[in-house]
PDB file of N, CA and C in Angstrom:
ATOM      1  N   MET A   1     131.658  61.674   6.841  1.00  0.00           N
ATOM      2  CA  MET A   1     131.296  60.472   7.437  1.00  0.00           C
ATOM      3  C   MET A   1     130.638  59.573   6.338  1.00  0.00           C
ATOM      4  N   THR A   2     131.180  58.318   6.165  1.00  0.00           N
ATOM      5  CA  THR A   2     130.761  57.422   5.112  1.00  0.00           C
ATOM      6  C   THR A   2     129.740  56.566   5.664  1.00  0.00           C
ATOM      7  N   LEU A   3     128.561  56.351   4.897  1.00  0.00           N
ATOM      8  CA  LEU A   3     127.446  55.518   5.442  1.00  0.00           C
ATOM      9  C   LEU A   3     127.870  54.004   5.118  1.00  0.00           C
ATOM     10  N   SER A   4     127.920  53.306   6.291  1.00  0.00           N
ATOM     11  CA  SER A   4     128.145  51.814   6.198  1.00  0.00           C
ATOM     12  C   SER A   4     126.954  51.092   6.341  1.00  0.00           C
ATOM     13  N   TYR A   5     126.408  50.584   5.242  1.00  0.00           N
ATOM     14  CA  TYR A   5     125.050  49.883   5.483  1.00  0.00           C
ATOM     15  C   TYR A   5     125.282  48.554   6.388  1.00  0.00           C
ATOM     16  N   GLU A   6     126.465  48.025   6.286  1.00  0.00           N
ATOM     17  CA  GLU A   6     126.803  46.738   7.127  1.00  0.00           C
ATOM     18  C   GLU A   6     126.794  47.184   8.482  1.00  0.00           C
ATOM     19  N   GLU A   7     127.467  48.176   8.893  1.00  0.00           N
ATOM     20  CA  GLU A   7     127.654  48.679  10.245  1.00  0.00           C
ATOM     21  C   GLU A   7     126.289  49.080  10.865  1.00  0.00           C
ATOM     22  N   THR A   8     125.554  49.786  10.026  1.00  0.00           N
ATOM     23  CA  THR A   8     124.097  50.290  10.488  1.00  0.00           C
ATOM     24  C   THR A   8     123.249  49.137  10.526  1.00  0.00           C
ATOM     25  N   SER A   9     123.361  48.044   9.672  1.00  0.00           N
ATOM     26  CA  SER A   9     122.564  46.895   9.774  1.00  0.00           C
ATOM     27  C   SER A   9     122.821  46.197  11.228  1.00  0.00           C
ATOM     28  N   GLU A  10     124.110  46.098  11.567  1.00  0.00           N
ATOM     29  CA  GLU A  10     124.514  45.380  12.801  1.00  0.00           C
ATOM     30  C   GLU A  10     123.908  46.234  14.071  1.00  0.00           C
ATOM     31  N   VAL A  11     123.851  47.572  13.963  1.00  0.00           N
ATOM     32  CA  VAL A  11     123.301  48.226  15.069  1.00  0.00           C
ATOM     33  C   VAL A  11     121.838  48.031  15.222  1.00  0.00           C
ATOM     34  N   LEU A  12     121.137  48.088  14.044  1.00  0.00           N
ATOM     35  CA  LEU A  12     119.683  47.898  14.031  1.00  0.00           C
ATOM     36  C   LEU A  12     119.312  46.405  14.524  1.00  0.00           C
ATOM     37  N   LYS A  13     120.167  45.418  14.106  1.00  0.00           N
ATOM     38  CA  LYS A  13     119.787  44.176  14.566  1.00  0.00           C
ATOM     39  C   LYS A  13     120.084  44.101  16.075  1.00  0.00           C
ATOM     40  N   ALA A  14     121.043  44.634  16.591  1.00  0.00           N
ATOM     41  CA  ALA A  14     121.251  44.651  18.045  1.00  0.00           C
ATOM     42  C   ALA A  14     120.145  45.345  18.893  1.00  0.00           C
ATOM     43  N   LEU A  15     119.500  46.247  18.244  1.00  0.00           N
ATOM     44  CA  LEU A  15     118.285  46.951  18.857  1.00  0.00           C
ATOM     45  C   LEU A  15     117.038  46.219  18.647  1.00  0.00           C
ATOM     46  N   ALA A  16     117.037  45.258  17.805  1.00  0.00           N
ATOM     47  CA  ALA A  16     115.745  44.523  17.404  1.00  0.00           C
ATOM     48  C   ALA A  16     115.289  43.497  18.338  1.00  0.00           C
ATOM     49  N   HIS A  17     115.401  43.879  19.604  1.00  0.00           N
ATOM     50  CA  HIS A  17     114.850  43.056  20.651  1.00  0.00           C
ATOM     51  C   HIS A  17     114.234  43.943  21.773  1.00  0.00           C
ATOM     52  N   PRO A  18     113.054  43.599  22.225  1.00  0.00           N
ATOM     53  CA  PRO A  18     112.260  44.463  23.303  1.00  0.00           C
ATOM     54  C   PRO A  18     113.223  44.656  24.393  1.00  0.00           C
ATOM     55  N   ALA A  19     113.832  43.707  24.957  1.00  0.00           N
ATOM     56  CA  ALA A  19     114.668  43.863  26.296  1.00  0.00           C
ATOM     57  C   ALA A  19     115.822  44.674  26.031  1.00  0.00           C
ATOM     58  N   ARG A  20     116.445  44.773  24.747  1.00  0.00           N
ATOM     59  CA  ARG A  20     117.546  45.609  24.526  1.00  0.00           C
ATOM     60  C   ARG A  20     117.058  46.886  24.268  1.00  0.00           C
ATOM     61  N   LEU A  21     115.852  47.228  23.649  1.00  0.00           N
ATOM     62  CA  LEU A  21     115.371  48.595  23.501  1.00  0.00           C
ATOM     63  C   LEU A  21     115.067  49.142  24.814  1.00  0.00           C
ATOM     64  N   LYS A  22     114.448  48.271  25.700  1.00  0.00           N
ATOM     65  CA  LYS A  22     114.197  48.855  27.126  1.00  0.00           C
ATOM     66  C   LYS A  22     115.461  49.162  27.817  1.00  0.00           C
ATOM     67  N   THR A  23     116.440  48.272  27.642  1.00  0.00           N
ATOM     68  CA  THR A  23     117.737  48.546  28.330  1.00  0.00           C
ATOM     69  C   THR A  23     118.441  49.805  27.862  1.00  0.00           C
ATOM     70  N   VAL A  24     118.361  50.047  26.539  1.00  0.00           N
ATOM     71  CA  VAL A  24     118.955  51.253  26.002  1.00  0.00           C
ATOM     72  C   VAL A  24     118.139  52.406  26.432  1.00  0.00           C
ATOM     73  N   ALA A  25     116.840  52.389  26.448  1.00  0.00           N
ATOM     74  CA  ALA A  25     116.052  53.516  26.890  1.00  0.00           C
ATOM     75  C   ALA A  25     116.404  53.858  28.399  1.00  0.00           C
ATOM     76  N   GLY A  26     116.542  52.768  29.160  1.00  0.00           N
ATOM     77  CA  GLY A  26     116.910  53.085  30.620  1.00  0.00           C
ATOM     78  C   GLY A  26     118.216  53.572  30.743  1.00  0.00           C
ATOM     79  N   LEU A  27     119.298  53.152  29.871  1.00  0.00           N
ATOM     80  CA  LEU A  27     120.621  53.674  30.047  1.00  0.00           C
ATOM     81  C   LEU A  27     120.648  55.092  29.557  1.00  0.00           C
ATOM     82  N   LEU A  28     119.826  55.454  28.717  1.00  0.00           N
ATOM     83  CA  LEU A  28     119.846  57.017  28.175  1.00  0.00           C
ATOM     84  C   LEU A  28     119.329  57.794  29.421  1.00  0.00           C
ATOM     85  N   LYS A  29     118.450  57.264  30.177  1.00  0.00           N
ATOM     86  CA  LYS A  29     118.037  58.114  31.347  1.00  0.00           C
ATOM     87  C   LYS A  29     119.100  58.207  32.449  1.00  0.00           C
ATOM     88  N   ASP A  30     119.787  56.919  32.632  1.00  0.00           N
ATOM     89  CA  ASP A  30     120.782  56.949  33.747  1.00  0.00           C
ATOM     90  C   ASP A  30     121.630  55.612  33.527  1.00  0.00           C
ATOM     91  N   GLY A  31     122.890  55.808  33.385  1.00  0.00           N
ATOM     92  CA  GLY A  31     123.761  54.602  33.398  1.00  0.00           C
ATOM     93  C   GLY A  31     123.646  53.703  34.547  1.00  0.00           C
ATOM     94  N   CYS A  32     123.590  52.590  34.313  1.00  0.00           N
ATOM     95  CA  CYS A  32     123.416  51.637  35.625  1.00  0.00           C
ATOM     96  C   CYS A  32     124.085  50.280  35.305  1.00  0.00           C
ATOM     97  N   ASN A  33     123.921  49.441  36.476  1.00  0.00           N
ATOM     98  CA  ASN A  33     124.637  48.221  36.420  1.00  0.00           C
ATOM     99  C   ASN A  33     123.696  47.050  36.060  1.00  0.00           C
ATOM    100  N   VAL A  34     124.164  45.818  35.864  1.00  0.00           N
ATOM    101  CA  VAL A  34     123.429  44.709  35.492  1.00  0.00           C
ATOM    102  C   VAL A  34     122.335  44.314  36.539  1.00  0.00           C
ATOM    103  N   GLY A  35     122.578  44.399  37.801  1.00  0.00           N
ATOM    104  CA  GLY A  35     121.732  44.260  38.907  1.00  0.00           C
ATOM    105  C   GLY A  35     120.470  45.055  38.800  1.00  0.00           C
ATOM    106  N   HIS A  36     120.664  46.379  38.587  1.00  0.00           N
ATOM    107  CA  HIS A  36     119.520  47.336  38.320  1.00  0.00           C
ATOM    108  C   HIS A  36     118.687  46.972  37.149  1.00  0.00           C
ATOM    109  N   ILE A  37     119.333  46.728  36.032  1.00  0.00           N
ATOM    110  CA  ILE A  37     118.661  46.338  34.752  1.00  0.00           C
ATOM    111  C   ILE A  37     117.900  45.222  34.960  1.00  0.00           C
ATOM    112  N   GLN A  38     118.483  44.140  35.622  1.00  0.00           N
ATOM    113  CA  GLN A  38     117.809  42.887  35.960  1.00  0.00           C
ATOM    114  C   GLN A  38     116.501  43.122  36.712  1.00  0.00           C
ATOM    115  N   LYS A  39     116.634  43.941  37.767  1.00  0.00           N
ATOM    116  CA  LYS A  39     115.359  44.210  38.517  1.00  0.00           C
ATOM    117  C   LYS A  39     114.309  44.927  37.612  1.00  0.00           C
ATOM    118  N   VAL A  40     114.647  45.852  36.867  1.00  0.00           N
ATOM    119  CA  VAL A  40     113.646  46.601  36.166  1.00  0.00           C
ATOM    120  C   VAL A  40     113.031  45.802  35.001  1.00  0.00           C
ATOM    121  N   LEU A  41     113.909  44.851  34.365  1.00  0.00           N
ATOM    122  CA  LEU A  41     113.381  44.024  33.336  1.00  0.00           C
ATOM    123  C   LEU A  41     112.747  42.715  33.740  1.00  0.00           C
ATOM    124  N   GLY A  42     113.105  42.393  34.990  1.00  0.00           N
ATOM    125  CA  GLY A  42     112.581  41.121  35.580  1.00  0.00           C
ATOM    126  C   GLY A  42     113.152  39.928  34.793  1.00  0.00           C
ATOM    127  N   LEU A  43     114.471  40.020  34.364  1.00  0.00           N
ATOM    128  CA  LEU A  43     115.055  38.848  33.618  1.00  0.00           C
ATOM    129  C   LEU A  43     116.189  38.324  34.448  1.00  0.00           C
ATOM    130  N   PRO A  44     116.616  37.155  34.197  1.00  0.00           N
ATOM    131  CA  PRO A  44     117.768  36.562  35.040  1.00  0.00           C
ATOM    132  C   PRO A  44     119.005  37.356  34.649  1.00  0.00           C
ATOM    133  N   GLN A  45     120.034  37.350  35.633  1.00  0.00           N
ATOM    134  CA  GLN A  45     121.153  38.040  35.387  1.00  0.00           C
ATOM    135  C   GLN A  45     122.023  37.662  34.104  1.00  0.00           C
ATOM    136  N   SER A  46     121.914  36.322  33.864  1.00  0.00           N
ATOM    137  CA  SER A  46     122.730  35.795  32.714  1.00  0.00           C
ATOM    138  C   SER A  46     122.097  36.333  31.315  1.00  0.00           C
ATOM    139  N   THR A  47     120.717  36.415  31.261  1.00  0.00           N
ATOM    140  CA  THR A  47     120.063  36.957  30.131  1.00  0.00           C
ATOM    141  C   THR A  47     120.374  38.453  29.887  1.00  0.00           C
ATOM    142  N   VAL A  48     120.373  39.166  30.985  1.00  0.00           N
ATOM    143  CA  VAL A  48     120.694  40.595  30.876  1.00  0.00           C
ATOM    144  C   VAL A  48     122.051  40.785  30.427  1.00  0.00           C
ATOM    145  N   SER A  49     122.978  40.022  30.936  1.00  0.00           N
ATOM    146  CA  SER A  49     124.396  40.014  30.491  1.00  0.00           C
ATOM    147  C   SER A  49     124.583  39.743  29.010  1.00  0.00           C
ATOM    148  N   GLN A  50     123.717  38.739  28.457  1.00  0.00           N
ATOM    149  CA  GLN A  50     123.852  38.406  27.097  1.00  0.00           C
ATOM    150  C   GLN A  50     123.374  39.628  26.279  1.00  0.00           C
ATOM    151  N   HIS A  51     122.306  40.233  26.648  1.00  0.00           N
ATOM    152  CA  HIS A  51     121.783  41.351  25.974  1.00  0.00           C
ATOM    153  C   HIS A  51     122.781  42.575  25.965  1.00  0.00           C
ATOM    154  N   LEU A  52     123.440  42.797  27.163  1.00  0.00           N
ATOM    155  CA  LEU A  52     124.370  43.877  27.197  1.00  0.00           C
ATOM    156  C   LEU A  52     125.587  43.505  26.270  1.00  0.00           C
ATOM    157  N   ARG A  53     125.984  42.267  26.233  1.00  0.00           N
ATOM    158  CA  ARG A  53     127.076  41.808  25.361  1.00  0.00           C
ATOM    159  C   ARG A  53     126.709  42.131  23.861  1.00  0.00           C
ATOM    160  N   VAL A  54     125.510  41.858  23.401  1.00  0.00           N
ATOM    161  CA  VAL A  54     125.084  42.180  22.060  1.00  0.00           C
ATOM    162  C   VAL A  54     125.252  43.657  21.833  1.00  0.00           C
ATOM    163  N   LEU A  55     124.724  44.514  22.767  1.00  0.00           N
ATOM    164  CA  LEU A  55     124.732  45.968  22.702  1.00  0.00           C
ATOM    165  C   LEU A  55     126.233  46.434  22.600  1.00  0.00           C
ATOM    166  N   LYS A  56     127.011  45.865  23.414  1.00  0.00           N
ATOM    167  CA  LYS A  56     128.526  46.296  23.511  1.00  0.00           C
ATOM    168  C   LYS A  56     129.140  45.949  22.226  1.00  0.00           C
ATOM    169  N   ASN A  57     128.985  44.722  21.705  1.00  0.00           N
ATOM    170  CA  ASN A  57     129.714  44.230  20.618  1.00  0.00           C
ATOM    171  C   ASN A  57     129.292  45.076  19.402  1.00  0.00           C
ATOM    172  N   ALA A  58     128.045  45.694  19.320  1.00  0.00           N
ATOM    173  CA  ALA A  58     127.518  46.507  18.256  1.00  0.00           C
ATOM    174  C   ALA A  58     128.009  47.955  18.368  1.00  0.00           C
ATOM    175  N   GLY A  59     128.790  48.307  19.581  1.00  0.00           N
ATOM    176  CA  GLY A  59     129.313  49.631  19.720  1.00  0.00           C
ATOM    177  C   GLY A  59     128.263  50.576  20.289  1.00  0.00           C
ATOM    178  N   ILE A  60     127.118  50.072  20.785  1.00  0.00           N
ATOM    179  CA  ILE A  60     126.075  50.896  21.170  1.00  0.00           C
ATOM    180  C   ILE A  60     126.340  51.327  22.616  1.00  0.00           C
ATOM    181  N   ILE A  61     126.861  50.514  23.533  1.00  0.00           N
ATOM    182  CA  ILE A  61     127.173  50.800  24.897  1.00  0.00           C
ATOM    183  C   ILE A  61     128.527  50.638  25.291  1.00  0.00           C
ATOM    184  N   LYS A  62     128.858  51.174  26.451  1.00  0.00           N
ATOM    185  CA  LYS A  62     130.233  51.031  26.919  1.00  0.00           C
ATOM    186  C   LYS A  62     130.145  50.895  28.396  1.00  0.00           C
ATOM    187  N   GLY A  63     130.886  49.945  29.010  1.00  0.00           N
ATOM    188  CA  GLY A  63     130.964  49.833  30.438  1.00  0.00           C
ATOM    189  C   GLY A  63     132.132  50.302  31.064  1.00  0.00           C
ATOM    190  N   ARG A  64     131.943  50.767  32.221  1.00  0.00           N
ATOM    191  CA  ARG A  64     132.986  51.373  33.196  1.00  0.00           C
ATOM    192  C   ARG A  64     132.982  50.789  34.515  1.00  0.00           C
ATOM    193  N   ARG A  65     134.050  50.225  34.885  1.00  0.00           N
ATOM    194  CA  ARG A  65     134.081  49.505  36.258  1.00  0.00           C
ATOM    195  C   ARG A  65     134.026  50.597  37.412  1.00  0.00           C
ATOM    196  N   GLU A  66     133.188  50.409  38.334  1.00  0.00           N
ATOM    197  CA  GLU A  66     133.010  51.191  39.483  1.00  0.00           C
ATOM    198  C   GLU A  66     132.932  50.180  40.775  1.00  0.00           C
ATOM    199  N   GLY A  67     134.107  49.961  41.242  1.00  0.00           N
ATOM    200  CA  GLY A  67     134.244  48.953  42.261  1.00  0.00           C
ATOM    201  C   GLY A  67     134.007  47.579  41.862  1.00  0.00           C
ATOM    202  N   ASN A  68     133.006  46.823  42.411  1.00  0.00           N
ATOM    203  CA  ASN A  68     132.839  45.499  41.843  1.00  0.00           C
ATOM    204  C   ASN A  68     131.609  45.466  40.936  1.00  0.00           C
ATOM    205  N   LYS A  69     131.190  46.728  40.404  1.00  0.00           N
ATOM    206  CA  LYS A  69     130.134  46.669  39.402  1.00  0.00           C
ATOM    207  C   LYS A  69     130.620  47.406  38.176  1.00  0.00           C
ATOM    208  N   THR A  70     129.883  47.127  37.085  1.00  0.00           N
ATOM    209  CA  THR A  70     130.187  47.778  35.826  1.00  0.00           C
ATOM    210  C   THR A  70     128.953  48.686  35.470  1.00  0.00           C
ATOM    211  N   CYS A  71     129.220  49.938  35.271  1.00  0.00           N
ATOM    212  CA  CYS A  71     128.217  50.897  34.896  1.00  0.00           C
ATOM    213  C   CYS A  71     128.196  51.109  33.365  1.00  0.00           C
ATOM    214  N   TYR A  72     127.106  50.891  32.763  1.00  0.00           N
ATOM    215  CA  TYR A  72     126.923  51.043  31.332  1.00  0.00           C
ATOM    216  C   TYR A  72     126.341  52.306  30.901  1.00  0.00           C
ATOM    217  N   ARG A  73     126.632  52.760  29.719  1.00  0.00           N
ATOM    218  CA  ARG A  73     126.076  54.128  29.176  1.00  0.00           C
ATOM    219  C   ARG A  73     126.090  53.838  27.689  1.00  0.00           C
ATOM    220  N   VAL A  74     125.229  54.580  27.049  1.00  0.00           N
ATOM    221  CA  VAL A  74     125.029  54.619  25.621  1.00  0.00           C
ATOM    222  C   VAL A  74     126.069  55.539  24.938  1.00  0.00           C
ATOM    223  N   ILE A  75     126.798  55.061  24.028  1.00  0.00           N
ATOM    224  CA  ILE A  75     127.866  55.860  23.410  1.00  0.00           C
ATOM    225  C   ILE A  75     127.708  56.170  21.956  1.00  0.00           C
ATOM    226  N   ASP A  76     126.680  55.429  21.323  1.00  0.00           N
ATOM    227  CA  ASP A  76     126.416  55.609  19.838  1.00  0.00           C
ATOM    228  C   ASP A  76     125.360  56.774  19.720  1.00  0.00           C
ATOM    229  N   VAL A  77     125.824  57.879  18.909  1.00  0.00           N
ATOM    230  CA  VAL A  77     124.960  59.014  18.991  1.00  0.00           C
ATOM    231  C   VAL A  77     123.726  58.704  17.989  1.00  0.00           C
ATOM    232  N   ARG A  78     123.991  57.763  17.002  1.00  0.00           N
ATOM    233  CA  ARG A  78     122.829  57.384  16.114  1.00  0.00           C
ATOM    234  C   ARG A  78     121.841  56.628  16.883  1.00  0.00           C
ATOM    235  N   VAL A  79     122.190  55.857  17.875  1.00  0.00           N
ATOM    236  CA  VAL A  79     121.171  55.164  18.684  1.00  0.00           C
ATOM    237  C   VAL A  79     120.417  56.131  19.567  1.00  0.00           C
ATOM    238  N   ARG A  80     121.105  57.215  20.000  1.00  0.00           N
ATOM    239  CA  ARG A  80     120.364  58.186  20.755  1.00  0.00           C
ATOM    240  C   ARG A  80     119.204  58.800  20.033  1.00  0.00           C
ATOM    241  N   LYS A  81     119.656  59.069  18.646  1.00  0.00           N
ATOM    242  CA  LYS A  81     118.579  59.761  17.717  1.00  0.00           C
ATOM    243  C   LYS A  81     117.477  58.705  17.415  1.00  0.00           C
ATOM    244  N   ILE A  82     117.770  57.399  17.155  1.00  0.00           N
ATOM    245  CA  ILE A  82     116.834  56.432  16.962  1.00  0.00           C
ATOM    246  C   ILE A  82     115.852  56.395  18.157  1.00  0.00           C
ATOM    247  N   MET A  83     116.344  56.392  19.289  1.00  0.00           N
ATOM    248  CA  MET A  83     115.504  56.274  20.540  1.00  0.00           C
ATOM    249  C   MET A  83     114.626  57.602  20.622  1.00  0.00           C
ATOM    250  N   GLU A  84     115.133  58.740  20.329  1.00  0.00           N
ATOM    251  CA  GLU A  84     114.333  59.854  20.260  1.00  0.00           C
ATOM    252  C   GLU A  84     113.117  59.739  19.301  1.00  0.00           C
ATOM    253  N   ILE A  85     113.384  59.157  18.205  1.00  0.00           N
ATOM    254  CA  ILE A  85     112.338  58.980  17.185  1.00  0.00           C
ATOM    255  C   ILE A  85     111.340  57.966  17.763  1.00  0.00           C
ATOM    256  N   ILE A  86     111.724  56.949  18.229  1.00  0.00           N
ATOM    257  CA  ILE A  86     110.917  55.858  18.961  1.00  0.00           C
ATOM    258  C   ILE A  86     109.987  56.481  19.954  1.00  0.00           C
ATOM    259  N   LYS A  87     110.603  57.353  20.768  1.00  0.00           N
ATOM    260  CA  LYS A  87     109.828  58.013  21.921  1.00  0.00           C
ATOM    261  C   LYS A  87     108.623  58.842  21.389  1.00  0.00           C
ATOM    262  N   ARG A  88     108.790  59.485  20.209  1.00  0.00           N
ATOM    263  CA  ARG A  88     107.860  60.355  19.495  1.00  0.00           C
ATOM    264  C   ARG A  88     106.511  59.675  19.180  1.00  0.00           C
ATOM    265  N   LYS A  89     106.690  58.448  18.899  1.00  0.00           N
ATOM    266  CA  LYS A  89     105.526  57.640  18.331  1.00  0.00           C
ATOM    267  C   LYS A  89     104.507  57.501  19.372  1.00  0.00           C
TER     268      LYS A  89
END
């Protein structure tokens, strides 16, 4: 595996927002949809969608259609490890 500082930098930038960190932490516990994330974070749906788009574009999460909803989950193993380290603090 070749270390890509540019790619790693993009992942870290995507995580560098409290709402996105909370979103990733929640998705690690249980994949869920925008409506659920919106309720937990207390943010407007459009804001949650923007945060999800940043995480998706960075390759951190992936969405899967389930009926009329999209269920998101964390797919980046590095992010899982980063979140484990953050939890230890």
